[in-house]
Protein backbone atom coordinates (compact mmCIF):
# COMPACT_ATOMS: atom_id res chain seq x y z
CA MET A 1 0.00 0.00 0.00
CA SER A 2 1.49 3.35 -1.01
CA GLN A 3 1.05 6.42 1.13
CA ASP A 4 0.56 9.91 -0.27
CA TYR A 5 2.49 12.73 1.33
CA GLN A 6 1.75 16.41 1.74
CA HIS A 7 4.34 18.55 -0.05
CA PRO A 8 5.57 21.45 2.13
CA GLN A 9 4.81 23.91 -0.70
CA TYR A 10 1.38 22.46 -1.49
CA GLY A 11 -0.68 25.43 -0.22
CA PRO A 12 1.11 28.20 -2.12
CA ASP A 13 1.54 25.94 -5.17
CA ARG A 14 -2.16 25.07 -5.26
CA GLN A 15 -3.07 28.75 -5.10
CA LEU A 16 -0.57 29.65 -7.85
CA LEU A 17 -1.69 26.78 -10.06
CA ASN A 18 -5.32 27.90 -9.75
CA GLN A 19 -4.25 31.33 -11.02
CA LEU A 20 -2.21 29.80 -13.85
CA LEU A 21 -5.04 27.52 -14.93
CA ALA A 22 -7.20 30.59 -15.50
CA GLN A 23 -4.66 31.66 -18.14
CA VAL A 24 -3.82 28.39 -19.92
CA LYS A 25 -6.33 28.98 -22.73
CA GLN A 26 -4.84 32.33 -23.73
CA LYS A 27 -3.36 32.49 -27.21
CA PRO A 28 -0.44 32.73 -27.18
CA VAL A 29 0.18 31.31 -23.73
CA PRO A 30 2.13 33.88 -21.68
CA ASP A 31 5.77 32.96 -21.10
CA LEU A 32 5.37 33.27 -17.34
CA VAL A 33 2.55 30.70 -17.40
CA LEU A 34 4.72 28.27 -19.36
CA VAL A 35 7.74 28.62 -17.07
CA GLU A 36 5.65 28.35 -13.91
CA ILE A 37 3.90 25.22 -15.18
CA ALA A 38 7.32 23.75 -16.03
CA ARG A 39 8.70 24.69 -12.60
CA LEU A 40 5.77 23.04 -10.84
CA ARG A 41 6.06 20.04 -13.15
CA ILE A 42 9.68 19.58 -12.03
CA ARG A 43 8.81 20.10 -8.36
CA TYR A 44 6.10 17.43 -8.35
CA MET A 45 7.80 14.99 -10.74
CA GLY A 46 7.73 11.62 -9.00
CA PHE A 47 6.37 13.10 -5.77
CA PRO A 48 4.16 10.59 -3.93
CA GLY A 49 1.24 12.91 -3.32
CA ALA A 50 -0.38 16.14 -4.52
CA ARG A 51 -2.20 14.08 -7.13
CA ASP A 52 -4.57 16.95 -7.86
CA ILE A 53 -1.69 19.27 -8.74
CA GLN A 54 -0.08 16.61 -10.92
CA ALA A 55 -3.40 15.99 -12.71
CA ASP A 56 -3.89 19.72 -13.32
CA LEU A 57 -0.37 20.03 -14.73
CA ASP A 58 -1.12 17.10 -17.04
CA GLN A 59 -4.35 18.80 -18.09
CA ALA A 60 -2.54 22.02 -18.99
CA LEU A 61 -0.17 20.08 -21.26
CA HIS A 62 -3.12 18.26 -22.79
CA LEU A 63 -4.93 21.54 -23.51
CA TRP A 64 -1.82 22.88 -25.22
CA GLY A 65 -1.27 19.64 -27.15
CA MET A 66 2.26 19.67 -25.77
CA THR A 67 4.50 16.97 -24.38
CA GLU A 68 6.55 17.46 -21.25
CA GLN A 69 9.71 17.45 -23.38
CA GLU A 70 8.30 20.21 -25.58
CA LEU A 71 7.33 22.25 -22.53
CA PHE A 72 10.86 21.96 -21.16
CA ARG A 73 12.39 22.80 -24.55
CA ARG A 74 10.25 25.92 -24.86
CA THR A 75 10.89 27.06 -21.30
CA ARG A 76 14.65 26.56 -21.64
CA ALA A 77 14.50 28.95 -24.61
CA ILE A 78 12.46 31.43 -22.57
CA HIS A 79 14.96 31.28 -19.70
CA ALA A 80 17.86 31.67 -22.15
CA GLN A 81 16.37 35.01 -23.22
CA GLY A 82 16.23 36.03 -19.56
CA GLY A 83 13.98 38.40 -17.72
CA VAL A 84 10.89 36.23 -17.38
CA TYR A 85 10.75 36.75 -13.61
CA GLN A 86 11.67 40.45 -13.63
CA GLU A 87 8.04 41.57 -13.54
CA THR A 88 7.00 39.31 -10.66
CA PHE A 89 6.86 40.38 -7.05
CA SER A 90 9.48 37.90 -5.89
CA LYS A 91 13.13 37.88 -6.84
CA ARG A 92 14.00 34.65 -5.03
CA ASP A 93 14.30 31.33 -6.78
CA ASP A 94 11.76 28.81 -5.54
CA TRP A 95 12.69 25.47 -7.04
CA ALA A 96 12.71 23.27 -3.94
């Protein structure tokens, strides 16, 4: 029997993801939405819990018709250009 765990960032991540999901149907998808979805995808990759977050991340990719590899390719290009987080309120990296 596997046990699901509560991720320490679940609360803020759930709130952020709800905000992002309201924007996933925009054309074109804003760069910040793409990079935040990718960041959350990495955070919850293989995590034994937060199934609702993982399902919502899968749904975003499905809506875009995009694979995880394509998402990561696109977001690497966005990060290479730089400045995607300059307009956000937080300057700290939050990858853990």
